[in-house]
Amino acid sequence: MAKSKENKVLSTLWSAGCGSHGGCGCEIYVKDGKVTRVEGNKNHPFNQGRLCAKGLAISQYIYHPDRVLYPLKRIGERGEGKWQRITWDEAYDTIEKKLKDIRAKYGAESVIFCQGTGRDIGGPITFLMYAYGSPNWVQVGLAGHACYTPRLGAMFATQGQYSVADCSQFLEKRYDSPEWTPPKYIILWAQYPAAGCHDGFYGHWIIDCMKRGSKLITIDPRSTWFTTRSEVHLQNRPGTDGIIALGMLNVIINEGIYDKAFVEKWCYGFDELKERVQEYTPEKAEKISWVPADLIRKAARLYAKNKPSAIQWGEPVDAMPAGSVVAQAINQL
């Protein structure tokens, strides 16, 4: 009897599977109708054949014995863990009746339609909300209000557009493109890129740049793979990223090592920024952040004097109570 053949299907991993925003190219191997393994697609421009641990483990996600595959209805008390499988029609009928009963008794405005990061749910949930008659929509929990959106707002307000480090991700020949030069320094700010794809930025691009000469400055309370390979590690007290940014701006502006031509041609409010940062000396930043003033100076000088350089930052900046203004300070660097 002939053995069944293992077939390869090209696809992408995104959202719930590997938790990535970017959509990594993958090769899915299927045998007898079942996924046997997943590997990275070497011809995909985003990840170039590499996958994070979550992507490689996608078959475990698909076939996990506790994965919910059908609608379930609770038949015991809340918390007992007793469930009964029902049909999709019964599930939809139950939801429809409950929502109509609430609207009839309390009004459509009594229902709030909530979503998390959402990705592709934003459009459909608003259609449902309007059809129901409720004006109430919100992102809650680990959603855009707590991550990503503060960065977007700060970048749009400061420079007119969202940007990430230039790791040649938009060029056909990638790292071999004559148009591209590796950043001389990359500041990794509150991020551990090796863990996966952060907001459309593939973490291993940083390592690719390191292989081509880029040096690192890391700002992170933790000790990580990247901090141990950094020329400067600013190991700040958690939540003090704003004072680090202001301290670096103080050095760059007062020592005159900023791009004067760019400031004169394109910047509005520079004089006000210069006045504002006078209060935030590296010594003051040291008292608040616990990072030695000399290290703040060193990081600022290396970043400002070596062009091109870049900053790639992470979600902890967004999650601060003053996330948007901290993001603005970093963006002004």
C-alpha atoms as a PDB file:
ATOM      1  CA  MET A   1       0.000   0.000   0.000  1.00  0.00           C
ATOM      2  CA  ALA A   2       1.482   3.358  -1.049  1.00  0.00           C
ATOM      3  CA  LYS A   3       2.290   5.821   1.698  1.00  0.00           C
ATOM      4  CA  SER A   4       0.273   9.036   1.672  1.00  0.00           C
ATOM      5  CA  LYS A   5       2.177  12.084   0.529  1.00  0.00           C
ATOM      6  CA  GLU A   6       2.974  15.108   2.682  1.00  0.00           C
ATOM      7  CA  ASN A   7       1.773  18.220   0.853  1.00  0.00           C
ATOM      8  CA  LYS A   8       3.125  21.744   1.332  1.00  0.00           C
ATOM      9  CA  VAL A   9       0.762  24.729   1.469  1.00  0.00           C
ATOM     10  CA  LEU A  10       2.033  28.327   1.424  1.00  0.00           C
ATOM     11  CA  SER A  11       0.257  30.666   3.804  1.00  0.00           C
ATOM     12  CA  THR A  12       0.800  33.280   6.539  1.00  0.00           C
ATOM     13  CA  LEU A  13       0.563  33.125  10.326  1.00  0.00           C
ATOM     14  CA  TRP A  14      -1.194  36.027  11.951  1.00  0.00           C
ATOM     15  CA  SER A  15      -3.269  37.064  14.949  1.00  0.00           C
ATOM     16  CA  ALA A  16      -4.446  34.302  17.270  1.00  0.00           C
ATOM     17  CA  GLY A  17      -2.078  31.634  16.019  1.00  0.00           C
ATOM     18  CA  CYS A  18       1.312  33.156  16.617  1.00  0.00           C
ATOM     19  CA  GLY A  19       0.125  36.488  17.965  1.00  0.00           C
ATOM     20  CA  SER A  20       1.934  38.534  15.331  1.00  0.00           C
ATOM     21  CA  HIS A  21       0.773  41.697  13.629  1.00  0.00           C
ATOM     22  CA  GLY A  22       2.870  41.411  10.512  1.00  0.00           C
ATOM     23  CA  GLY A  23       1.869  38.066   9.044  1.00  0.00           C
ATOM     24  CA  CYS A  24       4.894  35.807   8.687  1.00  0.00           C
ATOM     25  CA  GLY A  25       5.182  33.679   5.563  1.00  0.00           C
ATOM     26  CA  CYS A  26       5.009  29.975   6.332  1.00  0.00           C
ATOM     27  CA  GLU A  27       5.055  26.549   4.765  1.00  0.00           C
ATOM     28  CA  ILE A  28       2.309  24.336   6.202  1.00  0.00           C
ATOM     29  CA  TYR A  29       2.865  20.616   5.701  1.00  0.00           C
ATOM     30  CA  VAL A  30      -0.297  18.502   5.541  1.00  0.00           C
ATOM     31  CA  LYS A  31      -0.585  14.704   5.531  1.00  0.00           C
ATOM     32  CA  ASP A  32      -3.867  12.795   5.472  1.00  0.00           C
ATOM     33  CA  GLY A  33      -5.733  16.040   6.067  1.00  0.00           C
ATOM     34  CA  LYS A  34      -3.776  16.931   9.199  1.00  0.00           C
ATOM     35  CA  VAL A  35      -1.114  19.601   9.732  1.00  0.00           C
ATOM     36  CA  THR A  36       2.128  17.814  10.628  1.00  0.00           C
ATOM     37  CA  ARG A  37       4.537  20.754  10.903  1.00  0.00           C
ATOM     38  CA  VAL A  38       5.014  24.414  10.064  1.00  0.00           C
ATOM     39  CA  GLU A  39       8.199  26.084   8.816  1.00  0.00           C
ATOM     40  CA  GLY A  40       9.124  29.558   7.661  1.00  0.00           C
ATOM     41  CA  ASN A  41       8.863  30.473   3.987  1.00  0.00           C
ATOM     42  CA  LYS A  42      12.330  31.495   2.768  1.00  0.00           C
ATOM     43  CA  ASN A  43      10.828  33.418  -0.145  1.00  0.00           C
ATOM     44  CA  HIS A  44       8.593  35.588   2.047  1.00  0.00           C
ATOM     45  CA  PRO A  45      10.008  39.142   2.259  1.00  0.00           C
ATOM     46  CA  PHE A  46       8.849  39.755   5.837  1.00  0.00           C
ATOM     47  CA  ASN A  47      10.438  36.938   7.818  1.00  0.00           C
ATOM     48  CA  GLN A  48      12.656  35.313   5.148  1.00  0.00           C
ATOM     49  CA  GLY A  49      12.172  31.751   6.357  1.00  0.00           C
ATOM     50  CA  ARG A  50      12.256  32.365  10.087  1.00  0.00           C
ATOM     51  CA  LEU A  51       9.470  31.842  12.608  1.00  0.00           C
ATOM     52  CA  CYS A  52       9.163  32.496  16.313  1.00  0.00           C
ATOM     53  CA  ALA A  53       8.405  29.699  18.782  1.00  0.00           C
ATOM     54  CA  LYS A  54       4.673  30.458  18.618  1.00  0.00           C
ATOM     55  CA  GLY A  55       4.636  30.124  14.859  1.00  0.00           C
ATOM     56  CA  LEU A  56       6.563  26.863  14.908  1.00  0.00           C
ATOM     57  CA  ALA A  57       4.114  25.477  17.463  1.00  0.00           C
ATOM     58  CA  ILE A  58       0.972  26.314  15.469  1.00  0.00           C
ATOM     59  CA  SER A  59       0.083  22.620  15.030  1.00  0.00           C
ATOM     60  CA  GLN A  60      -0.073  22.312  18.823  1.00  0.00           C
ATOM     61  CA  TYR A  61      -2.475  25.234  18.878  1.00  0.00           C
ATOM     62  CA  ILE A  62      -4.657  23.635  16.206  1.00  0.00           C
ATOM     63  CA  TYR A  63      -4.887  20.191  17.816  1.00  0.00           C
ATOM     64  CA  HIS A  64      -4.743  21.033  21.515  1.00  0.00           C
ATOM     65  CA  PRO A  65      -7.256  18.828  23.381  1.00  0.00           C
ATOM     66  CA  ASP A  66      -8.713  21.835  25.235  1.00  0.00           C
ATOM     67  CA  ARG A  67      -9.280  23.946  22.136  1.00  0.00           C
ATOM     68  CA  VAL A  68     -12.930  25.011  21.813  1.00  0.00           C
ATOM     69  CA  LEU A  69     -14.265  23.879  18.437  1.00  0.00           C
ATOM     70  CA  TYR A  70     -18.034  24.182  18.892  1.00  0.00           C
ATOM     71  CA  PRO A  71     -20.539  26.401  20.717  1.00  0.00           C
ATOM     72  CA  LEU A  72     -20.879  25.364  24.365  1.00  0.00           C
ATOM     73  CA  LYS A  73     -23.634  26.188  26.844  1.00  0.00           C
ATOM     74  CA  ARG A  74     -23.059  26.222  30.590  1.00  0.00           C
ATOM     75  CA  ILE A  75     -25.230  23.625  32.314  1.00  0.00           C
ATOM     76  CA  GLY A  76     -23.887  23.980  35.853  1.00  0.00           C
ATOM     77  CA  GLU A  77     -23.186  26.862  38.169  1.00  0.00           C
ATOM     78  CA  ARG A  78     -20.738  29.533  37.078  1.00  0.00           C
ATOM     79  CA  GLY A  79     -17.229  28.277  37.743  1.00  0.00           C
ATOM     80  CA  GLU A  80     -18.126  24.573  37.844  1.00  0.00           C
ATOM     81  CA  GLY A  81     -16.785  23.977  34.348  1.00  0.00           C
ATOM     82  CA  LYS A  82     -19.831  22.032  33.193  1.00  0.00           C
ATOM     83  CA  TRP A  83     -20.704  22.577  29.528  1.00  0.00           C
ATOM     84  CA  GLN A  84     -22.934  21.093  26.867  1.00  0.00           C
ATOM     85  CA  ARG A  85     -22.326  21.238  23.130  1.00  0.00           C
ATOM     86  CA  ILE A  86     -25.061  23.016  21.172  1.00  0.00           C
ATOM     87  CA  THR A  87     -25.613  23.876  17.510  1.00  0.00           C
ATOM     88  CA  TRP A  88     -24.594  27.155  15.920  1.00  0.00           C
ATOM     89  CA  ASP A  89     -28.270  27.964  15.316  1.00  0.00           C
ATOM     90  CA  GLU A  90     -29.047  27.504  19.003  1.00  0.00           C
ATOM     91  CA  ALA A  91     -26.064  29.647  19.962  1.00  0.00           C
ATOM     92  CA  TYR A  92     -27.102  32.503  17.670  1.00  0.00           C
ATOM     93  CA  ASP A  93     -30.737  32.251  18.738  1.00  0.00           C
ATOM     94  CA  THR A  94     -29.707  32.451  22.410  1.00  0.00           C
ATOM     95  CA  ILE A  95     -27.538  35.524  21.821  1.00  0.00           C
ATOM     96  CA  GLU A  96     -30.205  37.239  19.721  1.00  0.00           C
ATOM     97  CA  LYS A  97     -32.953  36.651  22.302  1.00  0.00           C
ATOM     98  CA  LYS A  98     -30.767  37.877  25.175  1.00  0.00           C
ATOM     99  CA  LEU A  99     -29.773  41.064  23.351  1.00  0.00           C
ATOM    100  CA  LYS A 100     -33.363  41.798  22.311  1.00  0.00           C
ATOM    101  CA  ASP A 101     -34.609  41.256  25.878  1.00  0.00           C
ATOM    102  CA  ILE A 102     -32.008  43.687  27.229  1.00  0.00           C
ATOM    103  CA  ARG A 103     -32.891  46.299  24.603  1.00  0.00           C
ATOM    104  CA  ALA A 104     -36.604  45.967  25.304  1.00  0.00           C
ATOM    105  CA  LYS A 105     -36.128  46.314  29.069  1.00  0.00           C
ATOM    106  CA  TYR A 106     -33.248  48.799  29.372  1.00  0.00           C
ATOM    107  CA  GLY A 107     -32.776  50.379  25.936  1.00  0.00           C
ATOM    108  CA  ALA A 108     -30.089  49.868  23.309  1.00  0.00           C
ATOM    109  CA  GLU A 109     -27.799  52.406  25.017  1.00  0.00           C
ATOM    110  CA  SER A 110     -27.411  50.052  27.974  1.00  0.00           C
ATOM    111  CA  VAL A 111     -25.166  47.746  25.942  1.00  0.00           C
ATOM    112  CA  ILE A 112     -21.499  48.509  25.313  1.00  0.00           C
ATOM    113  CA  PHE A 113     -19.803  46.758  22.399  1.00  0.00           C
ATOM    114  CA  CYS A 114     -16.221  46.029  23.392  1.00  0.00           C
ATOM    115  CA  GLN A 115     -13.216  44.713  21.522  1.00  0.00           C
ATOM    116  CA  GLY A 116      -9.545  44.153  22.157  1.00  0.00           C
ATOM    117  CA  THR A 117      -6.812  44.906  19.641  1.00  0.00           C
ATOM    118  CA  GLY A 118      -9.268  43.481  17.135  1.00  0.00           C
ATOM    119  CA  ARG A 119      -7.303  43.586  13.914  1.00  0.00           C
ATOM    120  CA  ASP A 120     -10.163  42.639  11.572  1.00  0.00           C
ATOM    121  CA  ILE A 121     -13.100  42.948  14.008  1.00  0.00           C
ATOM    122  CA  GLY A 122     -13.394  46.747  14.094  1.00  0.00           C
ATOM    123  CA  GLY A 123     -15.663  47.056  11.048  1.00  0.00           C
ATOM    124  CA  PRO A 124     -18.084  44.192  11.746  1.00  0.00           C
ATOM    125  CA  ILE A 125     -18.547  45.076  15.434  1.00  0.00           C
ATOM    126  CA  THR A 126     -19.498  48.667  14.590  1.00  0.00           C
ATOM    127  CA  PHE A 127     -22.045  47.442  12.033  1.00  0.00           C
ATOM    128  CA  LEU A 128     -23.528  45.212  14.732  1.00  0.00           C
ATOM    129  CA  MET A 129     -23.542  48.096  17.195  1.00  0.00           C
ATOM    130  CA  TYR A 130     -25.349  50.478  14.826  1.00  0.00           C
ATOM    131  CA  ALA A 131     -27.863  47.807  13.788  1.00  0.00           C
ATOM    132  CA  TYR A 132     -28.614  47.196  17.471  1.00  0.00           C
ATOM    133  CA  GLY A 133     -29.048  50.911  18.099  1.00  0.00           C
ATOM    134  CA  SER A 134     -26.235  51.461  20.578  1.00  0.00           C
ATOM    135  CA  PRO A 135     -23.698  54.287  20.229  1.00  0.00           C
ATOM    136  CA  ASN A 136     -21.336  52.626  22.694  1.00  0.00           C
ATOM    137  CA  TRP A 137     -18.090  51.153  21.385  1.00  0.00           C
ATOM    138  CA  VAL A 138     -14.784  50.838  23.195  1.00  0.00           C
ATOM    139  CA  GLN A 139     -11.488  49.010  23.115  1.00  0.00           C
ATOM    140  CA  VAL A 140     -10.666  47.576  26.516  1.00  0.00           C
ATOM    141  CA  GLY A 141      -7.937  45.574  28.175  1.00  0.00           C
ATOM    142  CA  LEU A 142      -4.879  44.975  26.022  1.00  0.00           C
ATOM    143  CA  ALA A 143      -6.176  47.207  23.275  1.00  0.00           C
ATOM    144  CA  GLY A 144      -5.191  50.193  21.213  1.00  0.00           C
ATOM    145  CA  HIS A 145      -5.865  52.617  24.051  1.00  0.00           C
ATOM    146  CA  ALA A 146      -3.197  50.890  26.145  1.00  0.00           C
ATOM    147  CA  CYS A 147      -0.696  50.024  23.438  1.00  0.00           C
ATOM    148  CA  TYR A 148       0.270  51.241  19.992  1.00  0.00           C
ATOM    149  CA  THR A 149      -2.228  54.117  19.850  1.00  0.00           C
ATOM    150  CA  PRO A 150      -0.169  56.405  22.150  1.00  0.00           C
ATOM    151  CA  ARG A 151       2.794  55.866  19.826  1.00  0.00           C
ATOM    152  CA  LEU A 152       0.639  56.598  16.790  1.00  0.00           C
ATOM    153  CA  GLY A 153      -0.711  59.787  18.332  1.00  0.00           C
ATOM    154  CA  ALA A 154       2.724  60.989  19.384  1.00  0.00           C
ATOM    155  CA  MET A 155       4.288  60.305  16.000  1.00  0.00           C
ATOM    156  CA  PHE A 156       1.464  61.877  14.027  1.00  0.00           C
ATOM    157  CA  ALA A 157       1.587  64.957  16.275  1.00  0.00           C
ATOM    158  CA  THR A 158       5.381  65.215  16.142  1.00  0.00           C
ATOM    159  CA  GLN A 159       6.393  64.124  12.653  1.00  0.00           C
ATOM    160  CA  GLY A 160       3.172  63.580  10.758  1.00  0.00           C
ATOM    161  CA  GLN A 161       3.450  59.822  10.308  1.00  0.00           C
ATOM    162  CA  TYR A 162       4.158  56.550  12.074  1.00  0.00           C
ATOM    163  CA  SER A 163       7.615  55.103  11.494  1.00  0.00           C
ATOM    164  CA  VAL A 164       9.814  52.199  12.514  1.00  0.00           C
ATOM    165  CA  ALA A 165      13.556  51.586  12.244  1.00  0.00           C
ATOM    166  CA  ASP A 166      14.789  51.298   8.652  1.00  0.00           C
ATOM    167  CA  CYS A 167      16.025  47.721   8.358  1.00  0.00           C
ATOM    168  CA  SER A 168      15.626  47.721   4.578  1.00  0.00           C
ATOM    169  CA  GLN A 169      12.281  45.980   4.917  1.00  0.00           C
ATOM    170  CA  PHE A 170      10.742  47.933   2.034  1.00  0.00           C
ATOM    171  CA  LEU A 171      13.410  47.310  -0.595  1.00  0.00           C
ATOM    172  CA  GLU A 172      13.311  44.447  -3.087  1.00  0.00           C
ATOM    173  CA  LYS A 173      16.958  43.450  -2.606  1.00  0.00           C
ATOM    174  CA  ARG A 174      16.739  43.955   1.142  1.00  0.00           C
ATOM    175  CA  TYR A 175      20.168  44.176   2.724  1.00  0.00           C
ATOM    176  CA  ASP A 176      21.925  44.030  -0.649  1.00  0.00           C
ATOM    177  CA  SER A 177      20.161  47.129  -1.925  1.00  0.00           C
ATOM    178  CA  PRO A 178      22.569  49.969  -2.800  1.00  0.00           C
ATOM    179  CA  GLU A 179      19.960  52.439  -1.492  1.00  0.00           C
ATOM    180  CA  TRP A 180      20.301  51.167   2.073  1.00  0.00           C
ATOM    181  CA  THR A 181      22.930  51.704   4.742  1.00  0.00           C
ATOM    182  CA  PRO A 182      22.771  49.828   8.067  1.00  0.00           C
ATOM    183  CA  PRO A 183      22.056  52.091  11.039  1.00  0.00           C
ATOM    184  CA  LYS A 184      25.293  52.808  12.873  1.00  0.00           C
ATOM    185  CA  TYR A 185      23.438  52.685  16.185  1.00  0.00           C
ATOM    186  CA  ILE A 186      20.003  51.326  17.033  1.00  0.00           C
ATOM    187  CA  ILE A 187      18.403  52.330  20.310  1.00  0.00           C
ATOM    188  CA  LEU A 188      16.193  49.488  21.523  1.00  0.00           C
ATOM    189  CA  TRP A 189      13.841  51.253  23.883  1.00  0.00           C
ATOM    190  CA  ALA A 190      11.650  49.147  26.178  1.00  0.00           C
ATOM    191  CA  GLN A 191      11.447  46.285  23.721  1.00  0.00           C
ATOM    192  CA  TYR A 192      12.717  42.746  23.337  1.00  0.00           C
ATOM    193  CA  PRO A 193      12.409  42.162  19.580  1.00  0.00           C
ATOM    194  CA  ALA A 194      13.590  38.546  19.617  1.00  0.00           C
ATOM    195  CA  ALA A 195      10.291  37.523  21.236  1.00  0.00           C
ATOM    196  CA  GLY A 196       8.422  37.961  17.967  1.00  0.00           C
ATOM    197  CA  CYS A 197       6.752  40.564  15.812  1.00  0.00           C
ATOM    198  CA  HIS A 198       5.916  43.840  17.538  1.00  0.00           C
ATOM    199  CA  ASP A 199       3.387  46.063  15.807  1.00  0.00           C
ATOM    200  CA  GLY A 200       4.435  45.053  12.320  1.00  0.00           C
ATOM    201  CA  PHE A 201       8.166  45.111  13.074  1.00  0.00           C
ATOM    202  CA  TYR A 202       9.945  41.782  12.756  1.00  0.00           C
ATOM    203  CA  GLY A 203      12.352  41.373  15.650  1.00  0.00           C
ATOM    204  CA  HIS A 204      15.116  39.556  13.823  1.00  0.00           C
ATOM    205  CA  TRP A 205      15.647  42.554  11.558  1.00  0.00           C
ATOM    206  CA  ILE A 206      17.616  44.043  14.456  1.00  0.00           C
ATOM    207  CA  ILE A 207      19.905  40.999  14.475  1.00  0.00           C
ATOM    208  CA  ASP A 208      20.277  41.235  10.708  1.00  0.00           C
ATOM    209  CA  CYS A 209      21.462  44.832  11.137  1.00  0.00           C
ATOM    210  CA  MET A 210      23.853  43.779  13.910  1.00  0.00           C
ATOM    211  CA  LYS A 211      25.418  41.269  11.521  1.00  0.00           C
ATOM    212  CA  ARG A 212      25.979  44.167   9.131  1.00  0.00           C
ATOM    213  CA  GLY A 213      27.661  46.426  11.651  1.00  0.00           C
ATOM    214  CA  SER A 214      24.892  48.126  13.624  1.00  0.00           C
ATOM    215  CA  LYS A 215      25.677  48.677  17.302  1.00  0.00           C
ATOM    216  CA  LEU A 216      23.103  48.735  20.073  1.00  0.00           C
ATOM    217  CA  ILE A 217      22.059  51.107  22.814  1.00  0.00           C
ATOM    218  CA  THR A 218      19.391  49.519  25.015  1.00  0.00           C
ATOM    219  CA  ILE A 219      17.073  51.187  27.494  1.00  0.00           C
ATOM    220  CA  ASP A 220      15.535  48.431  29.580  1.00  0.00           C
ATOM    221  CA  PRO A 221      15.291  47.622  33.307  1.00  0.00           C
ATOM    222  CA  ARG A 222      15.924  43.962  32.474  1.00  0.00           C
ATOM    223  CA  SER A 223      19.016  42.096  31.421  1.00  0.00           C
ATOM    224  CA  THR A 224      18.319  40.477  28.046  1.00  0.00           C
ATOM    225  CA  TRP A 225      20.122  38.953  25.090  1.00  0.00           C
ATOM    226  CA  PHE A 226      20.246  42.403  23.530  1.00  0.00           C
ATOM    227  CA  THR A 227      21.409  44.294  26.628  1.00  0.00           C
ATOM    228  CA  THR A 228      24.373  41.942  27.016  1.00  0.00           C
ATOM    229  CA  ARG A 229      25.400  42.773  23.454  1.00  0.00           C
ATOM    230  CA  SER A 230      24.928  46.523  23.727  1.00  0.00           C
ATOM    231  CA  GLU A 231      27.624  49.152  23.754  1.00  0.00           C
ATOM    232  CA  VAL A 232      25.528  51.065  26.285  1.00  0.00           C
ATOM    233  CA  HIS A 233      22.777  49.664  28.508  1.00  0.00           C
ATOM    234  CA  LEU A 234      20.700  52.240  30.353  1.00  0.00           C
ATOM    235  CA  GLN A 235      19.140  50.041  33.043  1.00  0.00           C
ATOM    236  CA  ASN A 236      16.540  52.502  34.225  1.00  0.00           C
ATOM    237  CA  ARG A 237      14.011  52.307  37.008  1.00  0.00           C
ATOM    238  CA  PRO A 238      10.714  51.134  35.448  1.00  0.00           C
ATOM    239  CA  GLY A 239       8.507  53.990  34.330  1.00  0.00           C
ATOM    240  CA  THR A 240      11.267  56.608  34.041  1.00  0.00           C
ATOM    241  CA  ASP A 241      11.692  56.524  30.266  1.00  0.00           C
ATOM    242  CA  GLY A 242      10.468  60.105  29.905  1.00  0.00           C
ATOM    243  CA  ILE A 243      13.253  61.560  32.016  1.00  0.00           C
ATOM    244  CA  ILE A 244      15.801  59.503  30.065  1.00  0.00           C
ATOM    245  CA  ALA A 245      14.548  61.009  26.805  1.00  0.00           C
ATOM    246  CA  LEU A 246      14.587  64.525  28.212  1.00  0.00           C
ATOM    247  CA  GLY A 247      18.064  64.033  29.635  1.00  0.00           C
ATOM    248  CA  MET A 248      19.354  62.887  26.244  1.00  0.00           C
ATOM    249  CA  LEU A 249      17.649  65.836  24.537  1.00  0.00           C
ATOM    250  CA  ASN A 250      19.333  68.144  27.050  1.00  0.00           C
ATOM    251  CA  VAL A 251      22.741  66.795  26.026  1.00  0.00           C
ATOM    252  CA  ILE A 252      22.097  66.803  22.278  1.00  0.00           C
ATOM    253  CA  ILE A 253      20.657  70.322  22.190  1.00  0.00           C
ATOM    254  CA  ASN A 254      23.094  71.996  24.613  1.00  0.00           C
ATOM    255  CA  GLU A 255      26.136  70.404  22.969  1.00  0.00           C
ATOM    256  CA  GLY A 256      24.879  71.430  19.540  1.00  0.00           C
ATOM    257  CA  ILE A 257      25.106  67.927  18.087  1.00  0.00           C
ATOM    258  CA  TYR A 258      21.639  67.961  16.568  1.00  0.00           C
ATOM    259  CA  ASP A 259      20.862  68.295  12.857  1.00  0.00           C
ATOM    260  CA  LYS A 260      20.748  72.099  12.613  1.00  0.00           C
ATOM    261  CA  ALA A 261      19.770  72.216   8.940  1.00  0.00           C
ATOM    262  CA  PHE A 262      16.831  69.885   9.541  1.00  0.00           C
ATOM    263  CA  VAL A 263      15.692  71.823  12.598  1.00  0.00           C
ATOM    264  CA  GLU A 264      15.840  75.144  10.766  1.00  0.00           C
ATOM    265  CA  LYS A 265      13.967  73.880   7.718  1.00  0.00           C
ATOM    266  CA  TRP A 266      11.401  71.519   9.174  1.00  0.00           C
ATOM    267  CA  CYS A 267      10.907  71.957  12.934  1.00  0.00           C
ATOM    268  CA  TYR A 268       8.303  74.072  14.695  1.00  0.00           C
ATOM    269  CA  GLY A 269       8.660  74.807  18.407  1.00  0.00           C
ATOM    270  CA  PHE A 270      12.349  73.949  18.724  1.00  0.00           C
ATOM    271  CA  ASP A 271      13.106  77.000  20.858  1.00  0.00           C
ATOM    272  CA  GLU A 272      10.382  76.006  23.287  1.00  0.00           C
ATOM    273  CA  LEU A 273      11.751  72.451  23.424  1.00  0.00           C
ATOM    274  CA  LYS A 274      15.260  73.791  24.058  1.00  0.00           C
ATOM    275  CA  GLU A 275      13.973  75.888  26.937  1.00  0.00           C
ATOM    276  CA  ARG A 276      11.973  73.011  28.367  1.00  0.00           C
ATOM    277  CA  VAL A 277      14.837  70.499  28.478  1.00  0.00           C
ATOM    278  CA  GLN A 278      17.107  72.849  30.432  1.00  0.00           C
ATOM    279  CA  GLU A 279      15.370  71.640  33.584  1.00  0.00           C
ATOM    280  CA  TYR A 280      16.211  68.004  32.831  1.00  0.00           C
ATOM    281  CA  THR A 281      19.956  67.640  33.141  1.00  0.00           C
ATOM    282  CA  PRO A 282      21.569  64.196  33.084  1.00  0.00           C
ATOM    283  CA  GLU A 283      22.176  64.610  36.830  1.00  0.00           C
ATOM    284  CA  LYS A 284      18.471  65.154  37.461  1.00  0.00           C
ATOM    285  CA  ALA A 285      17.673  62.225  35.195  1.00  0.00           C
ATOM    286  CA  GLU A 286      20.084  60.081  37.226  1.00  0.00           C
ATOM    287  CA  LYS A 287      18.277  60.853  40.496  1.00  0.00           C
ATOM    288  CA  ILE A 288      14.927  59.831  39.016  1.00  0.00           C
ATOM    289  CA  SER A 289      15.925  56.967  36.719  1.00  0.00           C
ATOM    290  CA  TRP A 290      18.928  55.560  38.640  1.00  0.00           C
ATOM    291  CA  VAL A 291      20.943  55.610  35.415  1.00  0.00           C
ATOM    292  CA  PRO A 292      24.368  57.270  35.821  1.00  0.00           C
ATOM    293  CA  ALA A 293      24.502  60.703  34.196  1.00  0.00           C
ATOM    294  CA  ASP A 294      27.667  59.795  32.292  1.00  0.00           C
ATOM    295  CA  LEU A 295      25.889  56.847  30.653  1.00  0.00           C
ATOM    296  CA  ILE A 296      23.029  59.120  29.565  1.00  0.00           C
ATOM    297  CA  ARG A 297      25.569  61.490  28.029  1.00  0.00           C
ATOM    298  CA  LYS A 298      27.384  58.656  26.311  1.00  0.00           C
ATOM    299  CA  ALA A 299      24.189  57.257  24.814  1.00  0.00           C
ATOM    300  CA  ALA A 300      23.072  60.694  23.615  1.00  0.00           C
ATOM    301  CA  ARG A 301      26.405  61.438  21.958  1.00  0.00           C
ATOM    302  CA  LEU A 302      26.712  58.070  20.257  1.00  0.00           C
ATOM    303  CA  TYR A 303      23.194  58.364  18.882  1.00  0.00           C
ATOM    304  CA  ALA A 304      23.497  61.979  17.725  1.00  0.00           C
ATOM    305  CA  LYS A 305      26.997  61.813  16.246  1.00  0.00           C
ATOM    306  CA  ASN A 306      26.547  58.620  14.230  1.00  0.00           C
ATOM    307  CA  LYS A 307      24.288  58.871  11.212  1.00  0.00           C
ATOM    308  CA  PRO A 308      22.210  57.099  10.186  1.00  0.00           C
ATOM    309  CA  SER A 309      20.939  55.805  13.516  1.00  0.00           C
ATOM    310  CA  ALA A 310      17.496  54.682  14.616  1.00  0.00           C
ATOM    311  CA  ILE A 311      15.186  54.121  17.567  1.00  0.00           C
ATOM    312  CA  GLN A 312      12.907  51.098  17.880  1.00  0.00           C
ATOM    313  CA  TRP A 313      10.610  51.173  20.899  1.00  0.00           C
ATOM    314  CA  GLY A 314       8.073  48.974  22.591  1.00  0.00           C
ATOM    315  CA  GLU A 315       4.703  48.746  24.304  1.00  0.00           C
ATOM    316  CA  PRO A 316       5.888  49.651  27.848  1.00  0.00           C
ATOM    317  CA  VAL A 317       6.195  53.252  26.650  1.00  0.00           C
ATOM    318  CA  ASP A 318       2.514  53.228  25.657  1.00  0.00           C
ATOM    319  CA  ALA A 319       1.396  51.659  28.918  1.00  0.00           C
ATOM    320  CA  MET A 320       2.712  54.482  31.089  1.00  0.00           C
ATOM    321  CA  PRO A 321       0.174  56.905  32.556  1.00  0.00           C
ATOM    322  CA  ALA A 322       1.804  59.636  30.451  1.00  0.00           C
ATOM    323  CA  GLY A 323       2.515  57.350  27.509  1.00  0.00           C
ATOM    324  CA  SER A 324       1.737  59.793  24.719  1.00  0.00           C
ATOM    325  CA  VAL A 325       3.956  62.592  26.002  1.00  0.00           C
ATOM    326  CA  VAL A 326       6.762  60.148  26.808  1.00  0.00           C
ATOM    327  CA  ALA A 327       6.435  58.884  23.234  1.00  0.00           C
ATOM    328  CA  GLN A 328       6.636  62.475  22.005  1.00  0.00           C
ATOM    329  CA  ALA A 329       9.880  63.031  23.919  1.00  0.00           C
ATOM    330  CA  ILE A 330      11.375  59.873  22.406  1.00  0.00           C
ATOM    331  CA  ASN A 331      10.108  60.858  18.980  1.00  0.00           C
ATOM    332  CA  GLN A 332      11.737  64.280  19.301  1.00  0.00           C
ATOM    333  CA  LEU A 333      15.078  62.483  19.590  1.00  0.00           C
END
